[in-house]
Amino acid sequence: MLSDERIRDTLTDSLFEAILKLKTKEECYSFFEDLATVAEIKALAQRLEVARMLEEDVTYSRIAEMTGASSATISRVKRCLNYGADGYKMVLERMEKDHKE
């Protein structure tokens, strides 16, 4: 599925090009610490963990308990997994593959 055209523009292209230049986890920490607030970074990390848990068929109540995510956040991530651009699935599959190697 194609990504949402509403986010596509030259500024977003530039942001993603910058992210693709990062080579290590430490570089990511440095860049994202400058780019976003701690709360924003934590929210993104939480959503990724929610997606991982949903893919493993963990219940909403357990996900909320383990991550602190609201039911609205869990539902939104679930919608993205079912009807989104497949970004979560792509990343989770790659992370799982890397973990096995």
PDB file of N, CA and C in Angstrom:
ATOM      1  N   MET A   1       0.852  -1.181   0.000  1.00  0.00           N
ATOM      2  CA  MET A   1       0.000   0.000   0.000  1.00  0.00           C
ATOM      3  C   MET A   1       0.899   1.246   0.000  1.00  0.00           C
ATOM      4  N   LEU A   2       0.525   2.251  -0.754  1.00  0.00           N
ATOM      5  CA  LEU A   2       1.294   3.485  -0.816  1.00  0.00           C
ATOM      6  C   LEU A   2       1.074   4.323   0.428  1.00  0.00           C
ATOM      7  N   SER A   3       2.094   5.107   0.767  1.00  0.00           N
ATOM      8  CA  SER A   3       1.950   5.977   1.930  1.00  0.00           C
ATOM      9  C   SER A   3       1.010   7.139   1.612  1.00  0.00           C
ATOM     10  N   ASP A   4       0.510   7.738   2.654  1.00  0.00           N
ATOM     11  CA  ASP A   4      -0.452   8.835   2.570  1.00  0.00           C
ATOM     12  C   ASP A   4       0.190  10.045   1.884  1.00  0.00           C
ATOM     13  N   GLU A   5      -0.414  10.493   0.820  1.00  0.00           N
ATOM     14  CA  GLU A   5       0.123  11.629   0.062  1.00  0.00           C
ATOM     15  C   GLU A   5       0.132  12.920   0.880  1.00  0.00           C
ATOM     16  N   ARG A   6      -0.658  12.996   1.941  1.00  0.00           N
ATOM     17  CA  ARG A   6      -0.687  14.218   2.755  1.00  0.00           C
ATOM     18  C   ARG A   6       0.636  14.487   3.454  1.00  0.00           C
ATOM     19  N   ILE A   7       1.445  13.466   3.675  1.00  0.00           N
ATOM     20  CA  ILE A   7       2.723  13.690   4.353  1.00  0.00           C
ATOM     21  C   ILE A   7       3.870  13.915   3.382  1.00  0.00           C
ATOM     22  N   ARG A   8       3.632  13.665   2.115  1.00  0.00           N
ATOM     23  CA  ARG A   8       4.707  13.775   1.125  1.00  0.00           C
ATOM     24  C   ARG A   8       4.910  15.220   0.688  1.00  0.00           C
ATOM     25  N   ASP A   9       6.090  15.727   0.982  1.00  0.00           N
ATOM     26  CA  ASP A   9       6.517  17.029   0.480  1.00  0.00           C
ATOM     27  C   ASP A   9       8.033  17.120   0.618  1.00  0.00           C
ATOM     28  N   THR A  10       8.617  18.221   0.182  1.00  0.00           N
ATOM     29  CA  THR A  10      10.076  18.324   0.184  1.00  0.00           C
ATOM     30  C   THR A  10      10.658  18.359   1.599  1.00  0.00           C
ATOM     31  N   LEU A  11       9.930  18.945   2.550  1.00  0.00           N
ATOM     32  CA  LEU A  11      10.437  18.976   3.923  1.00  0.00           C
ATOM     33  C   LEU A  11      10.464  17.573   4.530  1.00  0.00           C
ATOM     34  N   THR A  12       9.411  16.799   4.295  1.00  0.00           N
ATOM     35  CA  THR A  12       9.375  15.437   4.809  1.00  0.00           C
ATOM     36  C   THR A  12      10.413  14.574   4.104  1.00  0.00           C
ATOM     37  N   ASP A  13      10.571  14.765   2.802  1.00  0.00           N
ATOM     38  CA  ASP A  13      11.630  14.059   2.077  1.00  0.00           C
ATOM     39  C   ASP A  13      12.985  14.331   2.727  1.00  0.00           C
ATOM     40  N   SER A  14      13.234  15.581   3.044  1.00  0.00           N
ATOM     41  CA  SER A  14      14.506  15.969   3.656  1.00  0.00           C
ATOM     42  C   SER A  14      14.689  15.316   5.028  1.00  0.00           C
ATOM     43  N   LEU A  15      13.623  15.288   5.817  1.00  0.00           N
ATOM     44  CA  LEU A  15      13.688  14.631   7.128  1.00  0.00           C
ATOM     45  C   LEU A  15      14.042  13.159   6.972  1.00  0.00           C
ATOM     46  N   PHE A  16      13.356  12.463   6.085  1.00  0.00           N
ATOM     47  CA  PHE A  16      13.607  11.033   5.913  1.00  0.00           C
ATOM     48  C   PHE A  16      15.000  10.781   5.346  1.00  0.00           C
ATOM     49  N   GLU A  17      15.470  11.653   4.456  1.00  0.00           N
ATOM     50  CA  GLU A  17      16.836  11.528   3.958  1.00  0.00           C
ATOM     51  C   GLU A  17      17.841  11.687   5.098  1.00  0.00           C
ATOM     52  N   ALA A  18      17.564  12.617   6.015  1.00  0.00           N
ATOM     53  CA  ALA A  18      18.443  12.812   7.176  1.00  0.00           C
ATOM     54  C   ALA A  18      18.447  11.560   8.052  1.00  0.00           C
ATOM     55  N   ILE A  19      17.275  10.988   8.304  1.00  0.00           N
ATOM     56  CA  ILE A  19      17.185   9.779   9.138  1.00  0.00           C
ATOM     57  C   ILE A  19      17.961   8.630   8.500  1.00  0.00           C
ATOM     58  N   LEU A  20      17.874   8.521   7.187  1.00  0.00           N
ATOM     59  CA  LEU A  20      18.592   7.453   6.497  1.00  0.00           C
ATOM     60  C   LEU A  20      20.112   7.621   6.564  1.00  0.00           C
ATOM     61  N   LYS A  21      20.591   8.799   6.908  1.00  0.00           N
ATOM     62  CA  LYS A  21      22.035   9.043   7.061  1.00  0.00           C
ATOM     63  C   LYS A  21      22.569   8.524   8.392  1.00  0.00           C
ATOM     64  N   LEU A  22      21.694   8.259   9.349  1.00  0.00           N
ATOM     65  CA  LEU A  22      22.118   7.793  10.664  1.00  0.00           C
ATOM     66  C   LEU A  22      22.648   6.369  10.558  1.00  0.00           C
ATOM     67  N   LYS A  23      23.770   6.116  11.236  1.00  0.00           N
ATOM     68  CA  LYS A  23      24.423   4.814  11.087  1.00  0.00           C
ATOM     69  C   LYS A  23      24.400   3.964  12.347  1.00  0.00           C
ATOM     70  N   THR A  24      24.274   4.580  13.498  1.00  0.00           N
ATOM     71  CA  THR A  24      24.314   3.816  14.741  1.00  0.00           C
ATOM     72  C   THR A  24      23.152   4.222  15.645  1.00  0.00           C
ATOM     73  N   LYS A  25      22.907   3.389  16.641  1.00  0.00           N
ATOM     74  CA  LYS A  25      21.879   3.707  17.619  1.00  0.00           C
ATOM     75  C   LYS A  25      22.231   5.001  18.355  1.00  0.00           C
ATOM     76  N   GLU A  26      23.507   5.203  18.657  1.00  0.00           N
ATOM     77  CA  GLU A  26      23.927   6.431  19.342  1.00  0.00           C
ATOM     78  C   GLU A  26      23.682   7.673  18.488  1.00  0.00           C
ATOM     79  N   GLU A  27      23.921   7.557  17.180  1.00  0.00           N
ATOM     80  CA  GLU A  27      23.608   8.667  16.284  1.00  0.00           C
ATOM     81  C   GLU A  27      22.109   8.955  16.292  1.00  0.00           C
ATOM     82  N   CYS A  28      21.304   7.910  16.334  1.00  0.00           N
ATOM     83  CA  CYS A  28      19.848   8.083  16.409  1.00  0.00           C
ATOM     84  C   CYS A  28      19.465   8.811  17.691  1.00  0.00           C
ATOM     85  N   TYR A  29      20.038   8.387  18.809  1.00  0.00           N
ATOM     86  CA  TYR A  29      19.746   9.071  20.073  1.00  0.00           C
ATOM     87  C   TYR A  29      20.090  10.548  19.980  1.00  0.00           C
ATOM     88  N   SER A  30      21.253  10.877  19.449  1.00  0.00           N
ATOM     89  CA  SER A  30      21.672  12.276  19.343  1.00  0.00           C
ATOM     90  C   SER A  30      20.732  13.082  18.453  1.00  0.00           C
ATOM     91  N   PHE A  31      20.432  12.543  17.288  1.00  0.00           N
ATOM     92  CA  PHE A  31      19.585  13.265  16.343  1.00  0.00           C
ATOM     93  C   PHE A  31      18.172  13.455  16.874  1.00  0.00           C
ATOM     94  N   PHE A  32      17.573  12.362  17.361  1.00  0.00           N
ATOM     95  CA  PHE A  32      16.190  12.449  17.825  1.00  0.00           C
ATOM     96  C   PHE A  32      16.063  13.277  19.097  1.00  0.00           C
ATOM     97  N   GLU A  33      17.090  13.281  19.939  1.00  0.00           N
ATOM     98  CA  GLU A  33      17.061  14.135  21.130  1.00  0.00           C
ATOM     99  C   GLU A  33      16.997  15.609  20.731  1.00  0.00           C
ATOM    100  N   ASP A  34      17.688  15.954  19.663  1.00  0.00           N
ATOM    101  CA  ASP A  34      17.630  17.326  19.161  1.00  0.00           C
ATOM    102  C   ASP A  34      16.334  17.606  18.401  1.00  0.00           C
ATOM    103  N   LEU A  35      15.817  16.608  17.722  1.00  0.00           N
ATOM    104  CA  LEU A  35      14.668  16.784  16.834  1.00  0.00           C
ATOM    105  C   LEU A  35      13.333  16.838  17.566  1.00  0.00           C
ATOM    106  N   ALA A  36      13.176  16.005  18.595  1.00  0.00           N
ATOM    107  CA  ALA A  36      11.863  15.834  19.212  1.00  0.00           C
ATOM    108  C   ALA A  36      11.969  15.886  20.734  1.00  0.00           C
ATOM    109  N   THR A  37      10.826  16.047  21.365  1.00  0.00           N
ATOM    110  CA  THR A  37      10.809  16.032  22.823  1.00  0.00           C
ATOM    111  C   THR A  37      10.927  14.591  23.308  1.00  0.00           C
ATOM    112  N   VAL A  38      11.282  14.433  24.567  1.00  0.00           N
ATOM    113  CA  VAL A  38      11.343  13.099  25.158  1.00  0.00           C
ATOM    114  C   VAL A  38       9.979  12.420  25.042  1.00  0.00           C
ATOM    115  N   ALA A  39       8.910  13.158  25.314  1.00  0.00           N
ATOM    116  CA  ALA A  39       7.559  12.587  25.241  1.00  0.00           C
ATOM    117  C   ALA A  39       7.230  12.111  23.824  1.00  0.00           C
ATOM    118  N   GLU A  40       7.621  12.867  22.804  1.00  0.00           N
ATOM    119  CA  GLU A  40       7.359  12.466  21.424  1.00  0.00           C
ATOM    120  C   GLU A  40       8.124  11.194  21.070  1.00  0.00           C
ATOM    121  N   ILE A  41       9.365  11.120  21.474  1.00  0.00           N
ATOM    122  CA  ILE A  41      10.169   9.930  21.192  1.00  0.00           C
ATOM    123  C   ILE A  41       9.595   8.719  21.912  1.00  0.00           C
ATOM    124  N   LYS A  42       9.227   8.903  23.172  1.00  0.00           N
ATOM    125  CA  LYS A  42       8.642   7.811  23.951  1.00  0.00           C
ATOM    126  C   LYS A  42       7.325   7.340  23.332  1.00  0.00           C
ATOM    127  N   ALA A  43       6.519   8.277  22.825  1.00  0.00           N
ATOM    128  CA  ALA A  43       5.245   7.924  22.188  1.00  0.00           C
ATOM    129  C   ALA A  43       5.479   7.088  20.928  1.00  0.00           C
ATOM    130  N   LEU A  44       6.475   7.449  20.132  1.00  0.00           N
ATOM    131  CA  LEU A  44       6.796   6.671  18.936  1.00  0.00           C
ATOM    132  C   LEU A  44       7.275   5.275  19.307  1.00  0.00           C
ATOM    133  N   ALA A  45       8.137   5.203  20.312  1.00  0.00           N
ATOM    134  CA  ALA A  45       8.643   3.904  20.763  1.00  0.00           C
ATOM    135  C   ALA A  45       7.505   3.039  21.295  1.00  0.00           C
ATOM    136  N   GLN A  46       6.592   3.658  22.014  1.00  0.00           N
ATOM    137  CA  GLN A  46       5.442   2.945  22.564  1.00  0.00           C
ATOM    138  C   GLN A  46       4.581   2.366  21.439  1.00  0.00           C
ATOM    139  N   ARG A  47       4.336   3.145  20.401  1.00  0.00           N
ATOM    140  CA  ARG A  47       3.515   2.674  19.283  1.00  0.00           C
ATOM    141  C   ARG A  47       4.156   1.474  18.592  1.00  0.00           C
ATOM    142  N   LEU A  48       5.467   1.510  18.428  1.00  0.00           N
ATOM    143  CA  LEU A  48       6.152   0.387  17.805  1.00  0.00           C
ATOM    144  C   LEU A  48       6.010  -0.868  18.667  1.00  0.00           C
ATOM    145  N   GLU A  49       6.146  -0.715  19.975  1.00  0.00           N
ATOM    146  CA  GLU A  49       5.983  -1.863  20.875  1.00  0.00           C
ATOM    147  C   GLU A  49       4.542  -2.371  20.856  1.00  0.00           C
ATOM    148  N   VAL A  50       3.582  -1.467  20.807  1.00  0.00           N
ATOM    149  CA  VAL A  50       2.177  -1.869  20.704  1.00  0.00           C
ATOM    150  C   VAL A  50       1.974  -2.679  19.419  1.00  0.00           C
ATOM    151  N   ALA A  51       2.531  -2.226  18.318  1.00  0.00           N
ATOM    152  CA  ALA A  51       2.405  -2.949  17.050  1.00  0.00           C
ATOM    153  C   ALA A  51       3.019  -4.336  17.163  1.00  0.00           C
ATOM    154  N   ARG A  52       4.184  -4.424  17.768  1.00  0.00           N
ATOM    155  CA  ARG A  52       4.840  -5.726  17.940  1.00  0.00           C
ATOM    156  C   ARG A  52       3.956  -6.672  18.749  1.00  0.00           C
ATOM    157  N   MET A  53       3.398  -6.155  19.831  1.00  0.00           N
ATOM    158  CA  MET A  53       2.558  -6.982  20.695  1.00  0.00           C
ATOM    159  C   MET A  53       1.261  -7.385  19.995  1.00  0.00           C
ATOM    160  N   LEU A  54       0.670  -6.471  19.232  1.00  0.00           N
ATOM    161  CA  LEU A  54      -0.541  -6.808  18.478  1.00  0.00           C
ATOM    162  C   LEU A  54      -0.262  -7.913  17.460  1.00  0.00           C
ATOM    163  N   GLU A  55       0.883  -7.843  16.822  1.00  0.00           N
ATOM    164  CA  GLU A  55       1.260  -8.871  15.853  1.00  0.00           C
ATOM    165  C   GLU A  55       1.432 -10.232  16.532  1.00  0.00           C
ATOM    166  N   GLU A  56       1.722 -10.217  17.816  1.00  0.00           N
ATOM    167  CA  GLU A  56       1.856 -11.460  18.581  1.00  0.00           C
ATOM    168  C   GLU A  56       0.535 -11.851  19.254  1.00  0.00           C
ATOM    169  N   ASP A  57      -0.553 -11.166  18.883  1.00  0.00           N
ATOM    170  CA  ASP A  57      -1.899 -11.455  19.399  1.00  0.00           C
ATOM    171  C   ASP A  57      -2.035 -11.274  20.906  1.00  0.00           C
ATOM    172  N   VAL A  58      -1.289 -10.315  21.458  1.00  0.00           N
ATOM    173  CA  VAL A  58      -1.430  -9.973  22.871  1.00  0.00           C
ATOM    174  C   VAL A  58      -2.727  -9.174  23.020  1.00  0.00           C
ATOM    175  N   THR A  59      -3.442  -9.386  24.109  1.00  0.00           N
ATOM    176  CA  THR A  59      -4.715  -8.696  24.316  1.00  0.00           C
ATOM    177  C   THR A  59      -4.502  -7.204  24.579  1.00  0.00           C
ATOM    178  N   TYR A  60      -5.551  -6.420  24.269  1.00  0.00           N
ATOM    179  CA  TYR A  60      -5.494  -4.982  24.509  1.00  0.00           C
ATOM    180  C   TYR A  60      -5.183  -4.688  25.974  1.00  0.00           C
ATOM    181  N   SER A  61      -5.819  -5.408  26.881  1.00  0.00           N
ATOM    182  CA  SER A  61      -5.613  -5.126  28.307  1.00  0.00           C
ATOM    183  C   SER A  61      -4.177  -5.405  28.719  1.00  0.00           C
ATOM    184  N   ARG A  62      -3.596  -6.461  28.209  1.00  0.00           N
ATOM    185  CA  ARG A  62      -2.193  -6.780  28.529  1.00  0.00           C
ATOM    186  C   ARG A  62      -1.260  -5.746  27.909  1.00  0.00           C
ATOM    187  N   ILE A  63      -1.537  -5.324  26.684  1.00  0.00           N
ATOM    188  CA  ILE A  63      -0.720  -4.299  26.031  1.00  0.00           C
ATOM    189  C   ILE A  63      -0.769  -3.006  26.839  1.00  0.00           C
ATOM    190  N   ALA A  64      -1.961  -2.608  27.249  1.00  0.00           N
ATOM    191  CA  ALA A  64      -2.111  -1.392  28.048  1.00  0.00           C
ATOM    192  C   ALA A  64      -1.328  -1.511  29.354  1.00  0.00           C
ATOM    193  N   GLU A  65      -1.421  -2.667  29.977  1.00  0.00           N
ATOM    194  CA  GLU A  65      -0.719  -2.906  31.237  1.00  0.00           C
ATOM    195  C   GLU A  65       0.802  -2.845  31.059  1.00  0.00           C
ATOM    196  N   MET A  66       1.290  -3.452  29.988  1.00  0.00           N
ATOM    197  CA  MET A  66       2.736  -3.551  29.765  1.00  0.00           C
ATOM    198  C   MET A  66       3.361  -2.256  29.225  1.00  0.00           C
ATOM    199  N   THR A  67       2.607  -1.514  28.412  1.00  0.00           N
ATOM    200  CA  THR A  67       3.185  -0.343  27.748  1.00  0.00           C
ATOM    201  C   THR A  67       2.686   0.992  28.287  1.00  0.00           C
ATOM    202  N   GLY A  68       1.540   0.965  28.959  1.00  0.00           N
ATOM    203  CA  GLY A  68       0.928   2.217  29.398  1.00  0.00           C
ATOM    204  C   GLY A  68       0.145   2.917  28.302  1.00  0.00           C
ATOM    205  N   ALA A  69       0.018   2.271  27.151  1.00  0.00           N
ATOM    206  CA  ALA A  69      -0.711   2.861  26.028  1.00  0.00           C
ATOM    207  C   ALA A  69      -2.207   2.878  26.319  1.00  0.00           C
ATOM    208  N   SER A  70      -2.868   3.922  25.849  1.00  0.00           N
ATOM    209  CA  SER A  70      -4.318   4.011  25.995  1.00  0.00           C
ATOM    210  C   SER A  70      -4.993   3.078  24.993  1.00  0.00           C
ATOM    211  N   SER A  71      -6.257   2.775  25.245  1.00  0.00           N
ATOM    212  CA  SER A  71      -7.005   1.933  24.303  1.00  0.00           C
ATOM    213  C   SER A  71      -7.120   2.635  22.944  1.00  0.00           C
ATOM    214  N   ALA A  72      -7.184   3.965  22.947  1.00  0.00           N
ATOM    215  CA  ALA A  72      -7.250   4.711  21.684  1.00  0.00           C
ATOM    216  C   ALA A  72      -5.961   4.526  20.882  1.00  0.00           C
ATOM    217  N   THR A  73      -4.813   4.576  21.552  1.00  0.00           N
ATOM    218  CA  THR A  73      -3.535   4.376  20.870  1.00  0.00           C
ATOM    219  C   THR A  73      -3.443   2.952  20.339  1.00  0.00           C
ATOM    220  N   ILE A  74      -3.831   1.992  21.148  1.00  0.00           N
ATOM    221  CA  ILE A  74      -3.783   0.596  20.714  1.00  0.00           C
ATOM    222  C   ILE A  74      -4.697   0.387  19.503  1.00  0.00           C
ATOM    223  N   SER A  75      -5.873   0.967  19.532  1.00  0.00           N
ATOM    224  CA  SER A  75      -6.811   0.849  18.407  1.00  0.00           C
ATOM    225  C   SER A  75      -6.251   1.502  17.149  1.00  0.00           C
ATOM    226  N   ARG A  76      -5.634   2.649  17.315  1.00  0.00           N
ATOM    227  CA  ARG A  76      -5.057   3.337  16.156  1.00  0.00           C
ATOM    228  C   ARG A  76      -3.945   2.508  15.517  1.00  0.00           C
ATOM    229  N   VAL A  77      -3.076   1.941  16.352  1.00  0.00           N
ATOM    230  CA  VAL A  77      -1.999   1.099  15.830  1.00  0.00           C
ATOM    231  C   VAL A  77      -2.587  -0.132  15.150  1.00  0.00           C
ATOM    232  N   LYS A  78      -3.615  -0.712  15.729  1.00  0.00           N
ATOM    233  CA  LYS A  78      -4.272  -1.876  15.129  1.00  0.00           C
ATOM    234  C   LYS A  78      -4.853  -1.526  13.760  1.00  0.00           C
ATOM    235  N   ARG A  79      -5.473  -0.344  13.649  1.00  0.00           N
ATOM    236  CA  ARG A  79      -6.000   0.112  12.357  1.00  0.00           C
ATOM    237  C   ARG A  79      -4.874   0.226  11.332  1.00  0.00           C
ATOM    238  N   CYS A  80      -3.740   0.766  11.769  1.00  0.00           N
ATOM    239  CA  CYS A  80      -2.593   0.895  10.857  1.00  0.00           C
ATOM    240  C   CYS A  80      -2.082  -0.475  10.422  1.00  0.00           C
ATOM    241  N   LEU A  81      -2.050  -1.423  11.348  1.00  0.00           N
ATOM    242  CA  LEU A  81      -1.616  -2.775  10.986  1.00  0.00           C
ATOM    243  C   LEU A  81      -2.561  -3.402   9.974  1.00  0.00           C
ATOM    244  N   ASN A  82      -3.859  -3.150  10.118  1.00  0.00           N
ATOM    245  CA  ASN A  82      -4.849  -3.763   9.233  1.00  0.00           C
ATOM    246  C   ASN A  82      -5.046  -3.009   7.923  1.00  0.00           C
ATOM    247  N   TYR A  83      -5.000  -1.683   7.980  1.00  0.00           N
ATOM    248  CA  TYR A  83      -5.377  -0.886   6.807  1.00  0.00           C
ATOM    249  C   TYR A  83      -4.355   0.168   6.409  1.00  0.00           C
ATOM    250  N   GLY A  84      -3.202   0.195   7.059  1.00  0.00           N
ATOM    251  CA  GLY A  84      -2.211   1.238   6.819  1.00  0.00           C
ATOM    252  C   GLY A  84      -1.304   0.937   5.638  1.00  0.00           C
ATOM    253  N   ALA A  85      -0.162   1.586   5.641  1.00  0.00           N
ATOM    254  CA  ALA A  85       0.797   1.481   4.542  1.00  0.00           C
ATOM    255  C   ALA A  85       1.757   0.308   4.701  1.00  0.00           C
ATOM    256  N   ASP A  86       1.525  -0.550   5.692  1.00  0.00           N
ATOM    257  CA  ASP A  86       2.353  -1.726   5.981  1.00  0.00           C
ATOM    258  C   ASP A  86       3.744  -1.375   6.501  1.00  0.00           C
ATOM    259  N   GLY A  87       3.911  -0.152   6.976  1.00  0.00           N
ATOM    260  CA  GLY A  87       5.202   0.265   7.527  1.00  0.00           C
ATOM    261  C   GLY A  87       5.568  -0.493   8.791  1.00  0.00           C
ATOM    262  N   TYR A  88       4.612  -0.631   9.703  1.00  0.00           N
ATOM    263  CA  TYR A  88       4.886  -1.393  10.929  1.00  0.00           C
ATOM    264  C   TYR A  88       5.307  -2.817  10.573  1.00  0.00           C
ATOM    265  N   LYS A  89       4.527  -3.460   9.725  1.00  0.00           N
ATOM    266  CA  LYS A  89       4.798  -4.857   9.380  1.00  0.00           C
ATOM    267  C   LYS A  89       6.183  -5.011   8.761  1.00  0.00           C
ATOM    268  N   MET A  90       6.535  -4.106   7.857  1.00  0.00           N
ATOM    269  CA  MET A  90       7.828  -4.168   7.197  1.00  0.00           C
ATOM    270  C   MET A  90       8.960  -4.077   8.224  1.00  0.00           C
ATOM    271  N   VAL A  91       8.868  -3.091   9.120  1.00  0.00           N
ATOM    272  CA  VAL A  91       9.920  -2.887  10.108  1.00  0.00           C
ATOM    273  C   VAL A  91       9.972  -4.042  11.105  1.00  0.00           C
ATOM    274  N   LEU A  92       8.817  -4.486  11.572  1.00  0.00           N
ATOM    275  CA  LEU A  92       8.794  -5.588  12.532  1.00  0.00           C
ATOM    276  C   LEU A  92       9.366  -6.867  11.934  1.00  0.00           C
ATOM    277  N   GLU A  93       9.060  -7.144  10.683  1.00  0.00           N
ATOM    278  CA  GLU A  93       9.617  -8.327  10.014  1.00  0.00           C
ATOM    279  C   GLU A  93      11.133  -8.221   9.913  1.00  0.00           C
ATOM    280  N   ARG A  94      11.639  -7.051   9.555  1.00  0.00           N
ATOM    281  CA  ARG A  94      13.081  -6.865   9.451  1.00  0.00           C
ATOM    282  C   ARG A  94      13.768  -6.974  10.804  1.00  0.00           C
ATOM    283  N   MET A  95      13.127  -6.417  11.828  1.00  0.00           N
ATOM    284  CA  MET A  95      13.696  -6.511  13.167  1.00  0.00           C
ATOM    285  C   MET A  95      13.728  -7.969  13.637  1.00  0.00           C
ATOM    286  N   GLU A  96      12.671  -8.710  13.370  1.00  0.00           N
ATOM    287  CA  GLU A  96      12.613 -10.116  13.742  1.00  0.00           C
ATOM    288  C   GLU A  96      13.682 -10.914  13.003  1.00  0.00           C
ATOM    289  N   LYS A  97      13.844 -10.634  11.728  1.00  0.00           N
ATOM    290  CA  LYS A  97      14.863 -11.320  10.922  1.00  0.00           C
ATOM    291  C   LYS A  97      16.250 -11.028  11.480  1.00  0.00           C
ATOM    292  N   ASP A  98      16.526  -9.768  11.791  1.00  0.00           N
ATOM    293  CA  ASP A  98      17.831  -9.390  12.353  1.00  0.00           C
ATOM    294  C   ASP A  98      18.055 -10.045  13.704  1.00  0.00           C
ATOM    295  N   HIS A  99      16.994 -10.169  14.481  1.00  0.00           N
ATOM    296  CA  HIS A  99      17.102 -10.774  15.812  1.00  0.00           C
ATOM    297  C   HIS A  99      17.470 -12.259  15.727  1.00  0.00           C
ATOM    298  N   LYS A 100      16.978 -12.920  14.682  1.00  0.00           N
ATOM    299  CA  LYS A 100      17.250 -14.359  14.493  1.00  0.00           C
ATOM    300  C   LYS A 100      18.647 -14.615  13.985  1.00  0.00           C
ATOM    301  N   GLU A 101      19.252 -13.626  13.334  1.00  0.00           N
ATOM    302  CA  GLU A 101      20.596 -13.833  12.734  1.00  0.00           C
ATOM    303  C   GLU A 101      21.687 -13.683  13.754  1.00  0.00           C
TER     304      GLU A 101
END
